[in-house]
C-alpha atoms as a PDB file:
ATOM      1  CA  MET A   1      99.891  95.662 137.519  1.00  0.00           C
ATOM      2  CA  ASN A   2      98.214  92.314 137.111  1.00  0.00           C
ATOM      3  CA  GLN A   3      99.845  89.178 135.762  1.00  0.00           C
ATOM      4  CA  ARG A   4      98.208  89.627 132.345  1.00  0.00           C
ATOM      5  CA  GLU A   5      99.781  93.092 131.861  1.00  0.00           C
ATOM      6  CA  GLY A   6     103.201  91.736 132.813  1.00  0.00           C
ATOM      7  CA  TYR A   7     102.801  89.039 130.163  1.00  0.00           C
ATOM      8  CA  ASN A   8     102.056  91.659 127.505  1.00  0.00           C
ATOM      9  CA  ASP A   9     105.286  93.458 128.395  1.00  0.00           C
ATOM     10  CA  LEU A  10     107.149  90.243 127.559  1.00  0.00           C
ATOM     11  CA  LYS A  11     105.332  89.647 124.290  1.00  0.00           C
ATOM     12  CA  ILE A  12     107.386  90.490 121.217  1.00  0.00           C
ATOM     13  CA  THR A  13     105.450  92.007 118.324  1.00  0.00           C
ATOM     14  CA  GLN A  14     106.117  93.699 114.999  1.00  0.00           C
ATOM     15  CA  GLU A  15     105.720  97.032 116.786  1.00  0.00           C
ATOM     16  CA  ASN A  16     108.219  96.435 119.600  1.00  0.00           C
ATOM     17  CA  PHE A  17     110.765  93.864 118.387  1.00  0.00           C
ATOM     18  CA  VAL A  18     113.315  96.476 117.229  1.00  0.00           C
ATOM     19  CA  LEU A  19     113.265  98.239 120.603  1.00  0.00           C
ATOM     20  CA  LYS A  20     113.410  94.930 122.497  1.00  0.00           C
ATOM     21  CA  LEU A  21     116.264  93.747 120.273  1.00  0.00           C
ATOM     22  CA  ALA A  22     118.241  96.915 121.064  1.00  0.00           C
ATOM     23  CA  GLN A  23     117.552  96.188 124.757  1.00  0.00           C
ATOM     24  CA  LYS A  24     119.130  92.733 124.210  1.00  0.00           C
ATOM     25  CA  ASN A  25     115.912  90.803 124.783  1.00  0.00           C
ATOM     26  CA  GLU A  26     116.580  87.259 123.542  1.00  0.00           C
ATOM     27  CA  ARG A  27     112.919  86.789 122.654  1.00  0.00           C
ATOM     28  CA  ALA A  28     113.275  89.652 120.186  1.00  0.00           C
ATOM     29  CA  LEU A  29     116.122  87.773 118.499  1.00  0.00           C
ATOM     30  CA  GLU A  30     113.924  84.675 118.349  1.00  0.00           C
ATOM     31  CA  TYR A  31     111.225  86.829 116.722  1.00  0.00           C
ATOM     32  CA  VAL A  32     113.747  88.050 114.130  1.00  0.00           C
ATOM     33  CA  ILE A  33     114.881  84.498 113.387  1.00  0.00           C
ATOM     34  CA  ASP A  34     111.286  83.299 113.050  1.00  0.00           C
ATOM     35  CA  ASN A  35     110.170  86.200 110.850  1.00  0.00           C
ATOM     36  CA  TYR A  36     113.296  87.019 108.823  1.00  0.00           C
ATOM     37  CA  GLY A  37     115.112  83.675 108.850  1.00  0.00           C
ATOM     38  CA  GLY A  38     113.662  82.688 105.484  1.00  0.00           C
ATOM     39  CA  LEU A  39     114.925  85.873 103.861  1.00  0.00           C
ATOM     40  CA  VAL A  40     118.388  85.445 105.374  1.00  0.00           C
ATOM     41  CA  LYS A  41     118.587  81.771 104.327  1.00  0.00           C
ATOM     42  CA  ALA A  42     117.492  82.608 100.766  1.00  0.00           C
ATOM     43  CA  ILE A  43     120.194  85.270 100.414  1.00  0.00           C
ATOM     44  CA  VAL A  44     122.916  83.117 101.956  1.00  0.00           C
ATOM     45  CA  LYS A  45     122.010  80.042  99.891  1.00  0.00           C
ATOM     46  CA  LYS A  46     121.866  82.123  96.708  1.00  0.00           C
ATOM     47  CA  HIS A  47     125.316  83.608  97.235  1.00  0.00           C
ATOM     48  CA  LEU A  48     127.015  80.626  98.881  1.00  0.00           C
ATOM     49  CA  HIS A  49     125.327  77.948  96.757  1.00  0.00           C
ATOM     50  CA  ASN A  50     128.627  76.216  96.049  1.00  0.00           C
ATOM     51  CA  LEU A  51     129.894  76.604  99.623  1.00  0.00           C
ATOM     52  CA  ALA A  52     127.203  74.592 101.381  1.00  0.00           C
ATOM     53  CA  GLY A  53     129.497  73.878 104.317  1.00  0.00           C
ATOM     54  CA  TYR A  54     129.655  77.583 105.134  1.00  0.00           C
ATOM     55  CA  GLN A  55     125.953  78.404 104.838  1.00  0.00           C
ATOM     56  CA  GLU A  56     124.811  77.583 108.378  1.00  0.00           C
ATOM     57  CA  GLU A  57     127.800  79.354 109.923  1.00  0.00           C
ATOM     58  CA  CYS A  58     127.149  82.404 107.744  1.00  0.00           C
ATOM     59  CA  ILE A  59     123.455  82.461 108.723  1.00  0.00           C
ATOM     60  CA  ASP A  60     124.473  82.301 112.394  1.00  0.00           C
ATOM     61  CA  ASP A  61     126.909  85.173 111.830  1.00  0.00           C
ATOM     62  CA  VAL A  62     124.163  87.264 110.229  1.00  0.00           C
ATOM     63  CA  PHE A  63     121.974  86.889 113.310  1.00  0.00           C
ATOM     64  CA  LEU A  64     124.961  87.532 115.589  1.00  0.00           C
ATOM     65  CA  ALA A  65     125.660  90.746 113.642  1.00  0.00           C
ATOM     66  CA  VAL A  66     122.007  91.735 113.995  1.00  0.00           C
ATOM     67  CA  TRP A  67     122.198  91.081 117.751  1.00  0.00           C
ATOM     68  CA  ASN A  68     125.468  93.008 118.175  1.00  0.00           C
ATOM     69  CA  ASN A  69     124.471  95.929 115.947  1.00  0.00           C
ATOM     70  CA  SER A  70     120.744  96.251 116.590  1.00  0.00           C
ATOM     71  CA  HIS A  71     121.311  99.700 118.090  1.00  0.00           C
ATOM     72  CA  SER A  72     122.489 100.963 114.678  1.00  0.00           C
ATOM     73  CA  PHE A  73     119.242 100.092 112.867  1.00  0.00           C
ATOM     74  CA  ASP A  74     117.349 103.276 111.989  1.00  0.00           C
ATOM     75  CA  PRO A  75     113.730 102.694 110.893  1.00  0.00           C
ATOM     76  CA  ALA A  76     113.647 106.223 109.447  1.00  0.00           C
ATOM     77  CA  LYS A  77     116.339 105.285 106.924  1.00  0.00           C
ATOM     78  CA  ASN A  78     115.422 101.725 105.993  1.00  0.00           C
ATOM     79  CA  THR A  79     113.067  98.841 106.639  1.00  0.00           C
ATOM     80  CA  PHE A  80     114.278  96.059 108.905  1.00  0.00           C
ATOM     81  CA  ALA A  81     113.983  93.585 106.035  1.00  0.00           C
ATOM     82  CA  ASN A  82     116.295  95.709 103.865  1.00  0.00           C
ATOM     83  CA  TRP A  83     118.713  96.169 106.739  1.00  0.00           C
ATOM     84  CA  ILE A  84     118.987  92.460 107.518  1.00  0.00           C
ATOM     85  CA  ALA A  85     119.179  91.626 103.782  1.00  0.00           C
ATOM     86  CA  ALA A  86     122.150  93.976 103.411  1.00  0.00           C
ATOM     87  CA  ILE A  87     123.855  92.368 106.418  1.00  0.00           C
ATOM     88  CA  ALA A  88     123.290  88.912 104.891  1.00  0.00           C
ATOM     89  CA  LYS A  89     124.703  90.024 101.523  1.00  0.00           C
ATOM     90  CA  TYR A  90     127.814  91.528 103.128  1.00  0.00           C
ATOM     91  CA  LYS A  91     128.345  88.422 105.274  1.00  0.00           C
ATOM     92  CA  THR A  92     128.213  86.175 102.190  1.00  0.00           C
ATOM     93  CA  ILE A  93     130.853  88.351 100.552  1.00  0.00           C
ATOM     94  CA  ASP A  94     132.976  88.042 103.712  1.00  0.00           C
ATOM     95  CA  TYR A  95     132.614  84.253 103.646  1.00  0.00           C
ATOM     96  CA  ARG A  96     133.620  84.045 100.007  1.00  0.00           C
ATOM     97  CA  ARG A  97     136.671  86.187 100.705  1.00  0.00           C
ATOM     98  CA  LYS A  98     137.519  84.043 103.721  1.00  0.00           C
ATOM     99  CA  PHE A  99     137.245  80.894 101.600  1.00  0.00           C
ATOM    100  CA  ILE A 100     139.497  82.364  98.903  1.00  0.00           C
ATOM    101  CA  LYS A 101     142.102  83.403 101.494  1.00  0.00           C
ATOM    102  CA  GLN A 102     141.925  79.961 103.066  1.00  0.00           C
ATOM    103  CA  LEU A 103     142.563  78.328  99.688  1.00  0.00           C
ATOM    104  CA  GLN A 104     145.483  80.657  98.985  1.00  0.00           C
ATOM    105  CA  HIS A 105     147.145  80.073 102.355  1.00  0.00           C
ATOM    106  CA  GLU A 106     146.701  76.330 102.761  1.00  0.00           C
ATOM    107  CA  ASN A 107     149.908  74.340 102.714  1.00  0.00           C
ATOM    108  CA  LEU A 108     149.060  71.809 100.017  1.00  0.00           C
ATOM    109  CA  ASP A 109     151.261  68.748  99.762  1.00  0.00           C
ATOM    110  CA  ALA A 110     150.266  67.295  96.414  1.00  0.00           C
ATOM    111  CA  GLN A 111     150.687  69.322  93.232  1.00  0.00           C
ATOM    112  CA  GLU A 112     147.453  67.870  91.854  1.00  0.00           C
ATOM    113  CA  ILE A 113     145.526  69.209  94.845  1.00  0.00           C
ATOM    114  CA  ALA A 114     147.314  72.553  94.575  1.00  0.00           C
ATOM    115  CA  VAL A 115     146.236  72.906  90.939  1.00  0.00           C
ATOM    116  CA  GLU A 116     142.640  72.086  91.862  1.00  0.00           C
ATOM    117  CA  GLY A 117     142.792  74.522  94.808  1.00  0.00           C
ATOM    118  CA  GLY A 118     144.141  77.213  92.502  1.00  0.00           C
ATOM    119  CA  PHE A 119     141.304  76.572  90.085  1.00  0.00           C
ATOM    120  CA  HIS A 120     138.716  76.851  92.870  1.00  0.00           C
ATOM    121  CA  SER A 121     140.384  79.979  94.192  1.00  0.00           C
ATOM    122  CA  GLU A 122     140.237  81.607  90.742  1.00  0.00           C
ATOM    123  CA  LEU A 123     136.641  80.470  90.267  1.00  0.00           C
ATOM    124  CA  PHE A 124     135.509  81.909  93.611  1.00  0.00           C
ATOM    125  CA  GLN A 125     137.469  85.107  93.048  1.00  0.00           C
ATOM    126  CA  HIS A 126     135.749  85.440  89.668  1.00  0.00           C
ATOM    127  CA  GLU A 127     132.331  84.826  91.263  1.00  0.00           C
ATOM    128  CA  LEU A 128     133.109  87.312  94.041  1.00  0.00           C
ATOM    129  CA  ASP A 129     134.168  89.906  91.469  1.00  0.00           C
ATOM    130  CA  LYS A 130     130.969  89.246  89.508  1.00  0.00           C
ATOM    131  CA  ASP A 131     128.810  89.568  92.641  1.00  0.00           C
ATOM    132  CA  LEU A 132     130.553  92.795  93.560  1.00  0.00           C
ATOM    133  CA  ASP A 133     130.132  94.083  90.008  1.00  0.00           C
ATOM    134  CA  ASP A 134     126.432  93.155  90.081  1.00  0.00           C
ATOM    135  CA  PHE A 135     126.023  94.830  93.473  1.00  0.00           C
ATOM    136  CA  LEU A 136     127.668  98.048  92.233  1.00  0.00           C
ATOM    137  CA  SER A 137     125.963  97.998  88.819  1.00  0.00           C
ATOM    138  CA  CYS A 138     123.529 100.756  89.824  1.00  0.00           C
ATOM    139  CA  LEU A 139     126.457 103.206  90.089  1.00  0.00           C
ATOM    140  CA  ASN A 140     128.083 105.113  87.242  1.00  0.00           C
ATOM    141  CA  THR A 141     131.648 104.179  86.294  1.00  0.00           C
ATOM    142  CA  GLN A 142     133.358 106.910  88.318  1.00  0.00           C
ATOM    143  CA  ASP A 143     131.328 106.226  91.481  1.00  0.00           C
ATOM    144  CA  LYS A 144     131.937 102.493  91.084  1.00  0.00           C
ATOM    145  CA  GLU A 145     135.696 103.162  90.943  1.00  0.00           C
ATOM    146  CA  LEU A 146     135.463 105.291  94.093  1.00  0.00           C
ATOM    147  CA  PHE A 147     133.660 102.497  95.966  1.00  0.00           C
ATOM    148  CA  LEU A 148     136.187  99.906  94.828  1.00  0.00           C
ATOM    149  CA  LYS A 149     139.153 102.077  95.823  1.00  0.00           C
ATOM    150  CA  LEU A 150     137.671 103.021  99.194  1.00  0.00           C
ATOM    151  CA  TYR A 151     135.991  99.787 100.314  1.00  0.00           C
ATOM    152  CA  VAL A 152     137.647  96.942  98.403  1.00  0.00           C
ATOM    153  CA  GLN A 153     141.206  98.213  97.967  1.00  0.00           C
ATOM    154  CA  GLU A 154     140.869 100.101 101.280  1.00  0.00           C
ATOM    155  CA  GLN A 155     142.674 103.176  99.985  1.00  0.00           C
ATOM    156  CA  ASP A 156     142.778 106.380 102.013  1.00  0.00           C
ATOM    157  CA  VAL A 157     140.500 109.220 100.857  1.00  0.00           C
ATOM    158  CA  GLY A 158     143.551 111.483 100.565  1.00  0.00           C
ATOM    159  CA  LEU A 159     145.224 109.064  98.145  1.00  0.00           C
ATOM    160  CA  ILE A 160     142.003 108.694  96.148  1.00  0.00           C
ATOM    161  CA  SER A 161     141.756 112.482  95.985  1.00  0.00           C
ATOM    162  CA  LYS A 162     145.299 112.714  94.593  1.00  0.00           C
ATOM    163  CA  GLU A 163     144.714 109.892  92.085  1.00  0.00           C
ATOM    164  CA  THR A 164     141.384 111.178  90.797  1.00  0.00           C
ATOM    165  CA  GLY A 165     141.861 114.926  91.184  1.00  0.00           C
ATOM    166  CA  LEU A 166     138.587 115.120  93.116  1.00  0.00           C
ATOM    167  CA  LYS A 167     138.344 117.083  96.344  1.00  0.00           C
ATOM    168  CA  ARG A 168     137.640 115.142  99.541  1.00  0.00           C
ATOM    169  CA  ALA A 169     134.225 116.777  99.896  1.00  0.00           C
ATOM    170  CA  VAL A 170     133.294 115.682  96.374  1.00  0.00           C
ATOM    171  CA  ILE A 171     134.416 112.125  97.114  1.00  0.00           C
ATOM    172  CA  TYR A 172     132.374 111.993 100.332  1.00  0.00           C
ATOM    173  CA  ASN A 173     129.374 113.435  98.471  1.00  0.00           C
ATOM    174  CA  ARG A 174     129.608 110.851  95.698  1.00  0.00           C
ATOM    175  CA  ILE A 175     130.040 108.023  98.219  1.00  0.00           C
ATOM    176  CA  SER A 176     126.989 109.240 100.162  1.00  0.00           C
ATOM    177  CA  ARG A 177     124.831 109.395  97.020  1.00  0.00           C
ATOM    178  CA  GLY A 178     126.181 106.011  95.948  1.00  0.00           C
ATOM    179  CA  LYS A 179     125.192 104.466  99.278  1.00  0.00           C
ATOM    180  CA  GLN A 180     121.645 105.737  98.761  1.00  0.00           C
ATOM    181  CA  LYS A 181     121.553 104.132  95.290  1.00  0.00           C
ATOM    182  CA  LEU A 182     122.874 100.869  96.735  1.00  0.00           C
ATOM    183  CA  LYS A 183     120.190 100.877  99.449  1.00  0.00           C
ATOM    184  CA  LYS A 184     117.492 101.312  96.805  1.00  0.00           C
ATOM    185  CA  SER A 185     119.087  98.553  94.753  1.00  0.00           C
ATOM    186  CA  ALA A 186     119.166  96.237  97.811  1.00  0.00           C
ATOM    187  CA  HIS A 187     115.483  96.982  98.399  1.00  0.00           C
ATOM    188  CA  LEU A 188     114.680  95.933  94.821  1.00  0.00           C
ATOM    189  CA  LEU A 189     116.789  92.772  95.261  1.00  0.00           C
ATOM    190  CA  GLU A 190     114.843  91.864  98.380  1.00  0.00           C
ATOM    191  CA  ARG A 191     111.561  92.184  96.503  1.00  0.00           C
ATOM    192  CA  ARG A 192     112.841  89.783  93.826  1.00  0.00           C
ATOM    193  CA  ILE A 193     113.924  87.237  96.438  1.00  0.00           C
END
């Protein structure tokens, strides 16, 4: 093997970056940042527009999640752009939740500050609820309720089955179909961004 061939093995391209990323090649991560950083920043800034102090940290966490979970990306199921867009969206939701929890648990000395903190907490909770509602808007009412119970309220499938009267298999089926609808919806969102 000559030196030129060895160089080509190190070169990261559209065709090999996913494989190299799964192999923990740092140049592959640099390729992802260079080629998908704009998409990630647009999503984070859109959803954390009023939390500017958290944006850079959130963007870093998105790329860390990509690095740590690159082995789970399946090109047969989704495009890389859709996959990283979904990670960015979920991370922004996590950051909004973290901010709300931080506001609720801070030990505030002055009542005036506490009232303002409560207002911000309610405002962010409302925005988070709206974002979640927008994200789940492609689902019918019953499927939306299932997603909220399972993923937001973190209820057990057995409890959901008892509450709704649906068998476990039906719940898993509806969740699976709902995930497919959400992936399609995320793909359409990416095209708009």
